[in-house]
């Protein structure tokens, strides 16, 4: 969750909730993309999530560490790995994973089976989103205050490169062929980075797109979908930056999951708490395929495409009254929604 997005959402939510807008209630109505299970956990805030389908495990980044859910039994292990404002969780080879710690300016590599910490890596200030590049084997870490893209060797822990960006990076995605794409949230653009040369090679504008944190890539069609806080998503041709169109969505997405099996993008939105599902038309322009009720506060998630399950953390966000404080959750409100994506229109 990038910092500018977080603050912008907090301010707007404070105004909206004070005016009686967007009641934080989970809808129960039947329909496509039904909620088939709800997994409760403690009230620490959350960010990105990851599914390890082979191990039947869900990992959720939390304010105080990493939560792990055994999807076969439903057992929840809070603070499986200790952390401070954990943001990203990235699967690595040999049963390892990496998390970023925004409050300690570190990344941690751990053993997925035991939670044992194997290595701690110093980063620039406020590491946030991260992704593994299969073409190079490097992990690319975005720093929210450092405004950098960092290149990390997960085997040695060495930082092998840095690129200074012109603003705060959002969710990074890679194409597997040597390109990294990342939104610059306060500039309304997508930066394209050549991973081998460690250079910023292109900037794609996102017209009238506020706080563009969320980003996903349809690799087969070569289309990026960027989520904007001002109720729209924009589709862009990855190779050229051509804007293919935009579609209306709900407010404040922070992550988008692309489903290569069903060829749709899942866009969870904080207000009013919906799962907006976007598909591409014949020209590549985005279309709203469905808008299913979820729960207030959804903004990230993790997809098991083969298993047909989407996992959406949610909670009733409380806006702080003290300036500079972080939002909290209403006691007992945090849960993980399990969505059946096989039941779709």
Protein backbone atom coordinates (compact mmCIF):
# COMPACT_ATOMS: atom_id res chain seq x y z
CA UNK A 1 0.00 0.00 0.00
CA UNK A 2 1.77 3.16 -1.11
CA UNK A 3 1.85 5.98 1.40
CA UNK A 4 0.24 8.69 -0.70
CA UNK A 5 -2.61 6.34 -1.63
CA UNK A 6 -3.05 5.44 2.04
CA UNK A 7 -3.22 9.06 3.19
CA UNK A 8 -5.51 10.10 0.33
CA UNK A 9 -7.93 7.28 1.09
CA UNK A 10 -7.87 8.05 4.82
CA UNK A 11 -8.75 11.70 4.22
CA UNK A 12 -11.53 10.90 1.75
CA UNK A 13 -12.93 8.13 3.93
CA UNK A 14 -13.01 10.48 6.90
CA UNK A 15 -15.12 12.92 4.91
CA UNK A 16 -17.31 10.23 3.35
CA UNK A 17 -18.06 8.37 6.56
CA UNK A 18 -18.74 11.61 8.42
CA UNK A 19 -21.31 12.44 5.78
CA UNK A 20 -22.99 9.05 6.12
CA UNK A 21 -21.53 7.53 2.96
CA UNK A 22 -20.42 3.91 2.49
CA UNK A 23 -21.67 2.00 5.50
CA UNK A 24 -19.08 -0.66 6.40
CA UNK A 25 -21.37 -3.67 6.07
CA UNK A 26 -20.65 -6.95 4.29
CA UNK A 27 -23.38 -7.78 1.80
CA UNK A 28 -25.02 -11.21 1.94
CA UNK A 29 -26.95 -11.25 -1.32
CA UNK A 30 -26.46 -14.29 -3.59
CA UNK A 31 -25.14 -13.95 -7.12
CA UNK A 32 -21.93 -14.34 -9.12
CA UNK A 33 -18.63 -14.43 -7.23
CA UNK A 34 -20.23 -15.58 -3.97
CA UNK A 35 -18.49 -15.46 -0.60
CA UNK A 36 -18.27 -19.15 0.34
CA UNK A 37 -16.24 -18.80 3.52
CA UNK A 38 -15.09 -16.15 5.98
CA UNK A 39 -11.86 -16.56 7.96
CA UNK A 40 -11.54 -14.25 11.01
CA UNK A 41 -8.26 -13.05 12.50
CA UNK A 42 -6.85 -10.28 14.72
CA UNK A 43 -7.30 -6.58 14.11
CA UNK A 44 -3.90 -5.53 12.75
CA UNK A 45 -4.06 -3.63 9.47
CA UNK A 46 -3.13 -5.50 6.29
CA UNK A 47 -1.65 -5.06 2.83
CA UNK A 48 -0.76 -7.53 0.05
CA UNK A 49 -1.37 -11.28 0.11
CA UNK A 50 -0.06 -14.40 -1.64
CA UNK A 51 -1.38 -17.94 -2.20
CA UNK A 52 0.92 -20.96 -2.16
CA UNK A 53 -1.49 -23.32 -3.92
CA UNK A 54 0.79 -26.38 -3.74
CA UNK A 55 1.12 -26.07 0.05
CA UNK A 56 -2.52 -24.93 0.47
CA UNK A 57 -1.41 -21.83 2.34
CA UNK A 58 -2.39 -18.18 2.27
CA UNK A 59 0.05 -15.49 3.41
CA UNK A 60 -1.28 -12.05 4.39
CA UNK A 61 0.98 -9.07 5.14
CA UNK A 62 -0.09 -7.39 8.40
CA UNK A 63 0.87 -4.39 10.48
CA UNK A 64 2.68 -6.58 13.03
CA UNK A 65 4.00 -9.41 10.85
CA UNK A 66 2.88 -12.08 8.43
CA UNK A 67 -0.30 -14.11 8.96
CA UNK A 68 -0.49 -17.63 7.51
CA UNK A 69 -3.73 -19.54 6.90
CA UNK A 70 -3.78 -23.30 6.36
CA UNK A 71 -6.42 -23.49 3.64
CA UNK A 72 -7.03 -27.20 4.20
CA UNK A 73 -7.90 -26.84 7.90
CA UNK A 74 -8.66 -23.14 8.27
CA UNK A 75 -6.04 -22.78 11.01
CA UNK A 76 -4.71 -19.23 11.31
CA UNK A 77 -1.20 -18.50 12.55
CA UNK A 78 -0.79 -14.80 13.38
CA UNK A 79 2.73 -13.40 13.24
CA UNK A 80 4.12 -16.49 11.53
CA UNK A 81 7.00 -14.14 10.72
CA UNK A 82 7.52 -11.00 12.81
CA UNK A 83 7.55 -7.73 10.92
CA UNK A 84 6.90 -4.01 11.12
CA UNK A 85 4.26 -2.71 8.70
CA UNK A 86 4.64 -5.65 6.33
CA UNK A 87 3.59 -4.80 2.78
CA UNK A 88 4.62 -7.31 0.11
CA UNK A 89 5.05 -11.07 0.28
CA UNK A 90 6.83 -12.75 -2.64
CA UNK A 91 7.39 -16.47 -3.22
CA UNK A 92 10.98 -17.48 -3.96
CA UNK A 93 12.63 -20.73 -5.01
CA UNK A 94 13.61 -23.53 -2.63
CA UNK A 95 10.66 -23.01 -0.31
CA UNK A 96 11.55 -19.44 0.64
CA UNK A 97 9.69 -16.13 0.52
CA UNK A 98 10.44 -12.44 0.99
CA UNK A 99 8.48 -9.75 2.82
CA UNK A 100 9.06 -6.00 2.93
CA UNK A 101 8.93 -4.12 6.25
CA UNK A 102 7.90 -0.51 5.75
CA UNK A 103 8.57 0.61 9.33
CA UNK A 104 12.07 -0.88 9.66
CA UNK A 105 13.39 -0.23 6.12
CA UNK A 106 14.21 -3.90 5.59
CA UNK A 107 13.23 -6.94 3.56
CA UNK A 108 13.17 -10.37 5.22
CA UNK A 109 13.75 -13.73 3.55
CA UNK A 110 12.26 -16.68 5.43
CA UNK A 111 11.53 -20.38 5.12
CA UNK A 112 7.87 -20.81 4.09
CA UNK A 113 7.42 -24.09 5.97
CA UNK A 114 8.75 -23.00 9.36
CA UNK A 115 8.79 -19.20 9.29
CA UNK A 116 12.49 -19.20 10.19
CA UNK A 117 14.17 -15.97 9.14
CA UNK A 118 17.07 -16.72 6.82
CA UNK A 119 18.27 -13.23 5.90
CA UNK A 120 17.49 -9.56 6.57
CA UNK A 121 18.26 -7.00 3.84
CA UNK A 122 18.59 -3.25 4.40
CA UNK A 123 16.50 -1.21 1.95
CA UNK A 124 15.80 2.42 1.18
CA UNK A 125 13.10 4.13 3.24
CA UNK A 126 9.62 2.54 3.39
CA UNK A 127 9.89 -0.57 1.16
CA UNK A 128 6.46 -1.49 -0.16
CA UNK A 129 5.53 -3.47 -3.27
CA UNK A 130 7.87 -6.16 -4.58
CA UNK A 131 7.93 -8.77 -7.33
CA UNK A 132 10.19 -11.63 -8.47
CA UNK A 133 11.52 -11.33 -12.02
CA UNK A 134 11.81 -14.86 -13.47
CA UNK A 135 14.05 -13.72 -16.32
CA UNK A 136 16.85 -12.55 -14.00
CA UNK A 137 16.01 -14.21 -10.68
CA UNK A 138 16.08 -10.80 -9.00
CA UNK A 139 13.50 -9.35 -6.63
CA UNK A 140 12.45 -5.81 -7.50
CA UNK A 141 11.49 -3.79 -4.41
CA UNK A 142 9.69 -0.44 -4.61
CA UNK A 143 10.42 2.06 -1.83
CA UNK A 144 7.61 4.44 -0.91
CA UNK A 145 9.61 7.32 0.55
CA UNK A 146 12.91 6.54 -1.16
CA UNK A 147 11.08 6.64 -4.52
CA UNK A 148 13.34 3.90 -5.83
CA UNK A 149 13.21 0.59 -7.60
CA UNK A 150 15.78 -1.70 -5.95
CA UNK A 151 17.26 -4.83 -7.53
CA UNK A 152 18.00 -7.54 -4.96
CA UNK A 153 19.67 -10.93 -5.39
CA UNK A 154 17.60 -13.16 -3.07
CA UNK A 155 20.36 -15.77 -2.79
CA UNK A 156 23.15 -13.47 -1.64
CA UNK A 157 20.97 -10.69 -0.24
CA UNK A 158 23.02 -8.17 -2.21
CA UNK A 159 21.44 -5.01 -3.58
CA UNK A 160 22.77 -5.10 -7.15
CA UNK A 161 21.13 -1.96 -8.50
CA UNK A 162 18.86 1.01 -7.84
CA UNK A 163 16.82 3.33 -10.03
CA UNK A 164 15.62 6.67 -8.73
CA UNK A 165 12.04 7.34 -9.82
CA UNK A 166 10.33 10.74 -10.04
CA UNK A 167 7.62 9.85 -7.53
CA UNK A 168 6.23 7.10 -5.35
CA UNK A 169 5.95 3.68 -7.02
CA UNK A 170 2.84 1.52 -6.66
CA UNK A 171 2.30 -2.18 -7.43
CA UNK A 172 5.07 -3.59 -9.68
CA UNK A 173 4.49 -6.25 -12.35
CA UNK A 174 6.92 -8.01 -14.70
CA UNK A 175 6.34 -9.54 -18.12
CA UNK A 176 8.90 -12.35 -17.72
CA UNK A 177 10.84 -11.00 -20.70
CA UNK A 178 12.94 -8.38 -18.98
CA UNK A 179 10.47 -5.54 -18.41
CA UNK A 180 9.18 -4.12 -15.13
CA UNK A 181 6.05 -1.96 -15.11
CA UNK A 182 5.12 0.17 -12.12
CA UNK A 183 2.71 3.05 -11.56
CA UNK A 184 4.07 6.31 -10.22
CA UNK A 185 1.08 7.17 -8.11
CA UNK A 186 1.53 10.91 -7.76
CA UNK A 187 2.41 11.45 -11.43
CA UNK A 188 -0.40 9.41 -13.02
CA UNK A 189 1.92 7.39 -15.21
CA UNK A 190 3.40 3.93 -15.69
CA UNK A 191 7.19 3.65 -15.66
CA UNK A 192 8.77 0.96 -17.83
CA UNK A 193 12.13 -0.36 -16.63
CA UNK A 194 14.57 -2.54 -18.52
CA UNK A 195 15.72 -4.99 -15.87
CA UNK A 196 18.96 -6.12 -17.55
CA UNK A 197 20.31 -2.60 -18.05
CA UNK A 198 18.60 -1.26 -14.90
CA UNK A 199 17.28 1.76 -16.78
CA UNK A 200 13.99 3.62 -16.96
CA UNK A 201 13.20 3.43 -20.67
CA UNK A 202 9.62 4.73 -21.03
CA UNK A 203 6.86 6.63 -19.25
CA UNK A 204 3.24 5.95 -20.15
CA UNK A 205 0.76 8.66 -19.11
CA UNK A 206 -2.50 7.65 -17.41
CA UNK A 207 -4.91 10.45 -18.31
CA UNK A 208 -6.92 11.88 -15.42
CA UNK A 209 -6.00 8.96 -13.15
CA UNK A 210 -5.64 9.91 -9.47
CA UNK A 211 -3.51 7.87 -7.05
CA UNK A 212 -2.83 5.04 -9.50
CA UNK A 213 -1.58 2.42 -7.05
CA UNK A 214 -2.99 -0.83 -8.47
CA UNK A 215 -1.57 -2.46 -11.61
CA UNK A 216 -1.86 -5.85 -13.30
CA UNK A 217 -0.76 -7.34 -16.63
CA UNK A 218 -2.49 -9.64 -19.08
CA UNK A 219 0.68 -11.16 -20.52
CA UNK A 220 -1.03 -13.02 -23.35
CA UNK A 221 -2.68 -9.89 -24.77
CA UNK A 222 0.03 -7.48 -23.61
CA UNK A 223 -2.37 -5.17 -21.76
CA UNK A 224 -1.85 -3.39 -18.45
CA UNK A 225 -4.80 -2.40 -16.26
CA UNK A 226 -4.21 0.45 -13.81
CA UNK A 227 -6.64 1.15 -10.97
CA UNK A 228 -7.31 4.79 -10.12
CA UNK A 229 -8.71 6.15 -6.84
CA UNK A 230 -11.12 8.38 -8.76
CA UNK A 231 -13.48 5.52 -9.73
CA UNK A 232 -11.96 4.23 -12.94
CA UNK A 233 -9.48 1.74 -14.35
CA UNK A 234 -7.37 2.46 -17.44
CA UNK A 235 -6.13 -0.14 -19.95
CA UNK A 236 -2.78 0.50 -21.65
CA UNK A 237 -0.91 -1.43 -24.34
CA UNK A 238 2.25 -2.66 -22.57
CA UNK A 239 4.48 -2.48 -25.65
CA UNK A 240 3.60 1.06 -26.70
CA UNK A 241 1.76 2.87 -23.92
CA UNK A 242 -1.31 3.38 -26.08
CA UNK A 243 -4.38 4.00 -23.93
CA UNK A 244 -7.03 1.47 -24.97
CA UNK A 245 -9.86 2.84 -22.87
CA UNK A 246 -11.17 3.22 -19.35
CA UNK A 247 -13.99 1.70 -17.30
CA UNK A 248 -15.90 2.92 -14.25
CA UNK A 249 -15.17 1.04 -11.00
CA UNK A 250 -15.79 1.68 -7.30
CA UNK A 251 -13.44 3.70 -5.07
CA UNK A 252 -9.88 3.06 -3.93
CA UNK A 253 -8.43 -0.16 -5.34
CA UNK A 254 -4.87 -0.87 -4.22
CA UNK A 255 -4.16 -4.16 -6.02
CA UNK A 256 -5.47 -5.91 -9.11
CA UNK A 257 -5.24 -9.66 -9.72
CA UNK A 258 -5.28 -10.99 -13.30
CA UNK A 259 -6.88 -14.40 -13.86
CA UNK A 260 -5.26 -15.99 -16.92
CA UNK A 261 -7.67 -18.95 -16.76
CA UNK A 262 -10.87 -16.89 -16.97
CA UNK A 263 -9.21 -13.89 -18.68
CA UNK A 264 -10.51 -11.23 -16.30
CA UNK A 265 -9.05 -8.72 -13.83
CA UNK A 266 -10.26 -8.71 -10.21
CA UNK A 267 -10.37 -5.20 -8.71
CA UNK A 268 -11.31 -5.06 -4.98
CA UNK A 269 -12.43 -1.56 -3.96
CA UNK A 270 -12.60 -0.11 -0.44
CA UNK A 271 -15.85 1.83 -0.89
CA UNK A 272 -18.50 0.54 -0.81
CA UNK A 273 -16.67 -2.79 -0.54
CA UNK A 274 -17.08 -4.46 -3.92
CA UNK A 275 -15.23 -6.87 -6.15
CA UNK A 276 -15.28 -5.27 -9.60
CA UNK A 277 -14.43 -7.69 -12.40
CA UNK A 278 -13.03 -6.25 -15.65
CA UNK A 279 -12.57 -7.98 -18.99
CA UNK A 280 -11.05 -6.74 -22.25
CA UNK A 281 -13.20 -6.22 -25.32
CA UNK A 282 -12.11 -7.10 -28.86
CA UNK A 283 -10.23 -3.82 -29.26
CA UNK A 284 -8.57 -4.20 -25.87
CA UNK A 285 -10.81 -1.63 -24.22
CA UNK A 286 -11.82 -2.60 -20.65
CA UNK A 287 -15.42 -3.53 -19.82
CA UNK A 288 -17.09 -4.12 -16.46
CA UNK A 289 -18.08 -7.80 -16.40
CA UNK A 290 -19.52 -7.76 -12.85
CA UNK A 291 -19.61 -5.82 -9.61
CA UNK A 292 -20.13 -8.24 -6.72
CA UNK A 293 -20.68 -7.28 -3.08
CA UNK A 294 -17.73 -8.12 -0.83
CA UNK A 295 -17.00 -6.15 2.38
CA UNK A 296 -16.04 -2.64 3.32
CA UNK A 297 -12.27 -2.13 3.26
CA UNK A 298 -11.26 -4.66 0.58
CA UNK A 299 -8.37 -3.32 -1.48
CA UNK A 300 -5.87 -6.17 -1.99
CA UNK A 301 -6.09 -9.93 -2.42
CA UNK A 302 -4.55 -13.16 -3.66
CA UNK A 303 -5.72 -15.48 -6.42
CA UNK A 304 -5.55 -19.25 -6.82
CA UNK A 305 -6.62 -19.34 -10.46
CA UNK A 306 -6.34 -23.11 -10.88
CA UNK A 307 -8.32 -23.73 -7.70
CA UNK A 308 -10.93 -21.11 -8.56
CA UNK A 309 -10.58 -19.17 -5.31
CA UNK A 310 -9.94 -15.49 -4.63
CA UNK A 311 -8.95 -14.37 -1.12
CA UNK A 312 -9.85 -10.81 -0.06
CA UNK A 313 -8.83 -9.40 3.33
CA UNK A 314 -11.31 -6.85 4.70
CA UNK A 315 -12.04 -4.83 7.81
CA UNK A 316 -13.90 -1.76 9.07
CA UNK A 317 -11.35 1.02 8.81
CA UNK A 318 -11.36 3.61 11.61
CA UNK A 319 -9.95 7.04 10.79
CA UNK A 320 -7.62 8.49 13.47
CA UNK A 321 -8.41 11.79 15.16
CA UNK A 322 -4.73 12.54 15.86
CA UNK A 323 -2.89 14.04 12.91
CA UNK A 324 -0.19 11.75 11.54
CA UNK A 325 -1.62 8.61 13.12
CA UNK A 326 -2.41 5.54 11.03
CA UNK A 327 -5.97 4.27 10.60
CA UNK A 328 -6.97 1.28 12.73
CA UNK A 329 -9.65 -1.41 12.52
CA UNK A 330 -12.87 -1.74 14.46
CA UNK A 331 -12.34 -4.54 17.01
CA UNK A 332 -13.33 -7.94 15.66
CA UNK A 333 -13.92 -6.67 12.13
CA UNK A 334 -10.97 -8.19 10.25
CA UNK A 335 -11.70 -11.22 8.11
CA UNK A 336 -10.55 -12.91 4.93
CA UNK A 337 -13.29 -13.51 2.38
CA UNK A 338 -13.03 -16.61 0.21
CA UNK A 339 -14.64 -15.95 -3.19
CA UNK A 340 -15.65 -18.69 -5.63
CA UNK A 341 -14.55 -17.28 -9.00
CA UNK A 342 -15.90 -20.34 -10.84
CA UNK A 343 -19.39 -18.93 -10.23
CA UNK A 344 -19.35 -15.98 -12.59
CA UNK A 345 -21.71 -14.46 -15.17
